[in-house]
Amino acid sequence: MCCRPVVGPRIGGVPEVISDGVSGCLVEPDDPESLMVAVDGLLSDPDAAQRMGLAGREKVLNNFSYSRIAKKIVEQMKQVI
């Protein structure tokens, strides 16, 4: 994993993965100015970008591993069946 902070839209499941200001930046959809501000902020503050990238990597490793996702799917299937 590259340990890079990410910028994503505040829609769908994206906010579940990106913790705004912690592992990256959430922006409003269809708002190119907020996207520009977020990217510029990350490029202007490499220390913060590095911290966010590391935090994002940890979040993914702790919450989105194949085994954890598989367990969630099995649990949901059991509830339906």
N, C-alpha and C. Protein backbone atom coordinates (compact mmCIF):
# COMPACT_ATOMS: atom_id res chain seq x y z
N MET A 1 0.84 -1.18 0.00
CA MET A 1 0.00 0.00 0.00
C MET A 1 0.88 1.24 0.00
N CYS A 2 0.39 2.25 -0.64
CA CYS A 2 1.21 3.44 -0.87
C CYS A 2 1.17 4.47 0.25
N CYS A 3 0.25 4.35 1.20
CA CYS A 3 0.15 5.29 2.33
C CYS A 3 -0.05 6.72 1.85
N ARG A 4 -0.92 6.92 0.88
CA ARG A 4 -1.21 8.25 0.38
C ARG A 4 -2.59 8.69 0.88
N PRO A 5 -2.75 9.95 1.23
CA PRO A 5 -4.08 10.43 1.59
C PRO A 5 -4.94 10.47 0.33
N VAL A 6 -6.22 10.39 0.51
CA VAL A 6 -7.12 10.40 -0.64
C VAL A 6 -8.13 11.53 -0.52
N VAL A 7 -8.64 11.92 -1.66
CA VAL A 7 -9.70 12.91 -1.73
C VAL A 7 -10.86 12.23 -2.44
N GLY A 8 -12.03 12.28 -1.84
CA GLY A 8 -13.19 11.63 -2.45
C GLY A 8 -14.46 12.40 -2.17
N PRO A 9 -15.50 12.11 -2.94
CA PRO A 9 -16.77 12.81 -2.76
C PRO A 9 -17.54 12.32 -1.54
N ARG A 10 -18.28 13.19 -0.95
CA ARG A 10 -19.09 12.88 0.23
C ARG A 10 -20.42 12.26 -0.24
N ILE A 11 -20.31 11.06 -0.86
CA ILE A 11 -21.51 10.35 -1.33
C ILE A 11 -21.32 8.85 -1.14
N GLY A 12 -22.43 8.13 -1.15
CA GLY A 12 -22.39 6.68 -1.08
C GLY A 12 -21.58 6.17 0.09
N GLY A 13 -20.76 5.16 -0.17
CA GLY A 13 -19.95 4.55 0.87
C GLY A 13 -18.60 5.19 1.07
N VAL A 14 -18.31 6.24 0.30
CA VAL A 14 -16.99 6.87 0.40
C VAL A 14 -16.70 7.37 1.81
N PRO A 15 -17.64 8.06 2.48
CA PRO A 15 -17.35 8.53 3.84
C PRO A 15 -17.09 7.40 4.84
N GLU A 16 -17.51 6.19 4.50
CA GLU A 16 -17.22 5.05 5.38
C GLU A 16 -15.73 4.71 5.32
N VAL A 17 -15.11 4.98 4.19
CA VAL A 17 -13.71 4.63 4.00
C VAL A 17 -12.79 5.80 4.33
N ILE A 18 -13.18 7.00 3.92
CA ILE A 18 -12.34 8.18 4.16
C ILE A 18 -12.84 8.91 5.40
N SER A 19 -12.01 9.05 6.40
CA SER A 19 -12.34 9.86 7.57
C SER A 19 -11.82 11.27 7.29
N ASP A 20 -12.73 12.20 7.10
CA ASP A 20 -12.36 13.55 6.69
C ASP A 20 -11.39 14.19 7.67
N GLY A 21 -10.24 14.62 7.13
CA GLY A 21 -9.22 15.25 7.95
C GLY A 21 -8.34 14.27 8.70
N VAL A 22 -8.66 12.98 8.62
CA VAL A 22 -7.88 11.97 9.32
C VAL A 22 -7.11 11.11 8.32
N SER A 23 -7.83 10.52 7.36
CA SER A 23 -7.18 9.67 6.37
C SER A 23 -7.25 10.27 4.96
N GLY A 24 -7.82 11.44 4.87
CA GLY A 24 -7.96 12.11 3.58
C GLY A 24 -8.96 13.24 3.69
N CYS A 25 -9.50 13.62 2.56
CA CYS A 25 -10.44 14.74 2.53
C CYS A 25 -11.70 14.36 1.78
N LEU A 26 -12.83 14.70 2.35
CA LEU A 26 -14.10 14.53 1.68
C LEU A 26 -14.51 15.87 1.09
N VAL A 27 -15.00 15.82 -0.13
CA VAL A 27 -15.47 17.04 -0.80
C VAL A 27 -16.89 16.82 -1.29
N GLU A 28 -17.60 17.91 -1.50
CA GLU A 28 -18.95 17.81 -2.01
C GLU A 28 -18.90 17.40 -3.48
N PRO A 29 -19.81 16.52 -3.88
CA PRO A 29 -19.83 16.12 -5.28
C PRO A 29 -20.13 17.32 -6.18
N ASP A 30 -19.61 17.29 -7.36
CA ASP A 30 -19.85 18.35 -8.36
C ASP A 30 -19.39 19.72 -7.87
N ASP A 31 -18.34 19.74 -7.06
CA ASP A 31 -17.79 21.00 -6.57
C ASP A 31 -16.28 21.02 -6.84
N PRO A 32 -15.91 21.38 -8.07
CA PRO A 32 -14.49 21.33 -8.43
C PRO A 32 -13.61 22.24 -7.59
N GLU A 33 -14.16 23.33 -7.08
CA GLU A 33 -13.37 24.24 -6.26
C GLU A 33 -12.97 23.56 -4.95
N SER A 34 -13.91 22.82 -4.32
CA SER A 34 -13.56 22.14 -3.07
C SER A 34 -12.54 21.04 -3.33
N LEU A 35 -12.62 20.41 -4.49
CA LEU A 35 -11.62 19.41 -4.86
C LEU A 35 -10.25 20.07 -4.99
N MET A 36 -10.20 21.20 -5.65
CA MET A 36 -8.94 21.92 -5.82
C MET A 36 -8.36 22.34 -4.47
N VAL A 37 -9.19 22.83 -3.58
CA VAL A 37 -8.73 23.26 -2.26
C VAL A 37 -8.18 22.07 -1.48
N ALA A 38 -8.88 20.93 -1.55
CA ALA A 38 -8.43 19.74 -0.81
C ALA A 38 -7.09 19.24 -1.33
N VAL A 39 -6.96 19.14 -2.65
CA VAL A 39 -5.70 18.65 -3.22
C VAL A 39 -4.58 19.64 -2.93
N ASP A 40 -4.85 20.92 -3.08
CA ASP A 40 -3.83 21.94 -2.80
C ASP A 40 -3.39 21.88 -1.34
N GLY A 41 -4.36 21.68 -0.44
CA GLY A 41 -4.02 21.58 0.98
C GLY A 41 -3.10 20.41 1.28
N LEU A 42 -3.37 19.27 0.64
CA LEU A 42 -2.51 18.10 0.86
C LEU A 42 -1.11 18.32 0.27
N LEU A 43 -1.05 18.94 -0.89
CA LEU A 43 0.25 19.20 -1.51
C LEU A 43 1.04 20.25 -0.75
N SER A 44 0.34 21.17 -0.09
CA SER A 44 1.00 22.25 0.65
C SER A 44 1.48 21.82 2.03
N ASP A 45 0.98 20.72 2.53
CA ASP A 45 1.34 20.27 3.88
C ASP A 45 1.74 18.79 3.83
N PRO A 46 2.96 18.50 3.40
CA PRO A 46 3.38 17.10 3.26
C PRO A 46 3.35 16.31 4.56
N ASP A 47 3.57 16.96 5.69
CA ASP A 47 3.51 16.24 6.97
C ASP A 47 2.09 15.76 7.25
N ALA A 48 1.12 16.63 7.05
CA ALA A 48 -0.28 16.24 7.25
C ALA A 48 -0.67 15.17 6.25
N ALA A 49 -0.22 15.32 5.01
CA ALA A 49 -0.53 14.32 3.98
C ALA A 49 0.03 12.96 4.37
N GLN A 50 1.23 12.95 4.89
CA GLN A 50 1.84 11.68 5.31
C GLN A 50 1.06 11.06 6.47
N ARG A 51 0.67 11.87 7.45
CA ARG A 51 -0.12 11.36 8.59
C ARG A 51 -1.44 10.77 8.09
N MET A 52 -2.10 11.49 7.18
CA MET A 52 -3.38 11.01 6.66
C MET A 52 -3.20 9.71 5.88
N GLY A 53 -2.14 9.64 5.09
CA GLY A 53 -1.88 8.42 4.33
C GLY A 53 -1.66 7.22 5.23
N LEU A 54 -0.90 7.40 6.28
CA LEU A 54 -0.66 6.30 7.23
C LEU A 54 -1.94 5.91 7.96
N ALA A 55 -2.74 6.92 8.33
CA ALA A 55 -4.01 6.64 9.02
C ALA A 55 -4.96 5.89 8.09
N GLY A 56 -4.97 6.26 6.83
CA GLY A 56 -5.83 5.57 5.86
C GLY A 56 -5.42 4.12 5.68
N ARG A 57 -4.13 3.89 5.62
CA ARG A 57 -3.63 2.51 5.48
C ARG A 57 -4.05 1.68 6.68
N GLU A 58 -3.88 2.23 7.87
CA GLU A 58 -4.28 1.50 9.09
C GLU A 58 -5.78 1.20 9.08
N LYS A 59 -6.58 2.17 8.67
CA LYS A 59 -8.03 1.97 8.65
C LYS A 59 -8.40 0.84 7.69
N VAL A 60 -7.79 0.84 6.53
CA VAL A 60 -8.09 -0.21 5.55
C VAL A 60 -7.65 -1.57 6.08
N LEU A 61 -6.44 -1.65 6.62
CA LEU A 61 -5.96 -2.93 7.14
C LEU A 61 -6.82 -3.45 8.28
N ASN A 62 -7.29 -2.54 9.13
CA ASN A 62 -8.08 -2.96 10.30
C ASN A 62 -9.55 -3.24 9.99
N ASN A 63 -10.08 -2.61 8.95
CA ASN A 63 -11.52 -2.70 8.72
C ASN A 63 -11.94 -3.35 7.40
N PHE A 64 -11.05 -3.44 6.46
CA PHE A 64 -11.47 -3.88 5.14
C PHE A 64 -10.64 -5.04 4.59
N SER A 65 -10.15 -5.90 5.45
CA SER A 65 -9.42 -7.08 4.99
C SER A 65 -10.42 -8.05 4.36
N TYR A 66 -9.91 -8.96 3.53
CA TYR A 66 -10.78 -9.94 2.88
C TYR A 66 -11.54 -10.77 3.91
N SER A 67 -10.85 -11.19 4.96
CA SER A 67 -11.51 -12.04 5.96
C SER A 67 -12.61 -11.28 6.71
N ARG A 68 -12.35 -10.02 7.03
CA ARG A 68 -13.36 -9.23 7.74
C ARG A 68 -14.59 -8.99 6.85
N ILE A 69 -14.36 -8.66 5.58
CA ILE A 69 -15.47 -8.43 4.66
C ILE A 69 -16.25 -9.74 4.46
N ALA A 70 -15.53 -10.85 4.31
CA ALA A 70 -16.21 -12.15 4.14
C ALA A 70 -17.09 -12.46 5.35
N LYS A 71 -16.58 -12.20 6.55
CA LYS A 71 -17.38 -12.43 7.76
C LYS A 71 -18.64 -11.59 7.75
N LYS A 72 -18.52 -10.32 7.35
CA LYS A 72 -19.69 -9.44 7.30
C LYS A 72 -20.73 -9.96 6.30
N ILE A 73 -20.25 -10.44 5.15
CA ILE A 73 -21.17 -10.96 4.14
C ILE A 73 -21.89 -12.20 4.67
N VAL A 74 -21.14 -13.10 5.30
CA VAL A 74 -21.74 -14.31 5.86
C VAL A 74 -22.76 -13.95 6.93
N GLU A 75 -22.45 -13.00 7.81
CA GLU A 75 -23.38 -12.58 8.85
C GLU A 75 -24.66 -12.01 8.24
N GLN A 76 -24.52 -11.21 7.20
CA GLN A 76 -25.70 -10.63 6.55
C GLN A 76 -26.52 -11.71 5.86
N MET A 77 -25.86 -12.69 5.25
CA MET A 77 -26.58 -13.77 4.60
C MET A 77 -27.34 -14.61 5.61
N LYS A 78 -26.75 -14.83 6.78
CA LYS A 78 -27.43 -15.60 7.82
C LYS A 78 -28.69 -14.87 8.29
N GLN A 79 -28.63 -13.55 8.35
CA GLN A 79 -29.80 -12.78 8.77
C GLN A 79 -30.92 -12.88 7.75
N VAL A 80 -30.57 -12.95 6.49
CA VAL A 80 -31.58 -13.02 5.43
C VAL A 80 -32.19 -14.42 5.36
N ILE A 81 -31.33 -15.43 5.56
CA ILE A 81 -31.81 -16.82 5.46
C ILE A 81 -32.51 -17.17 6.71
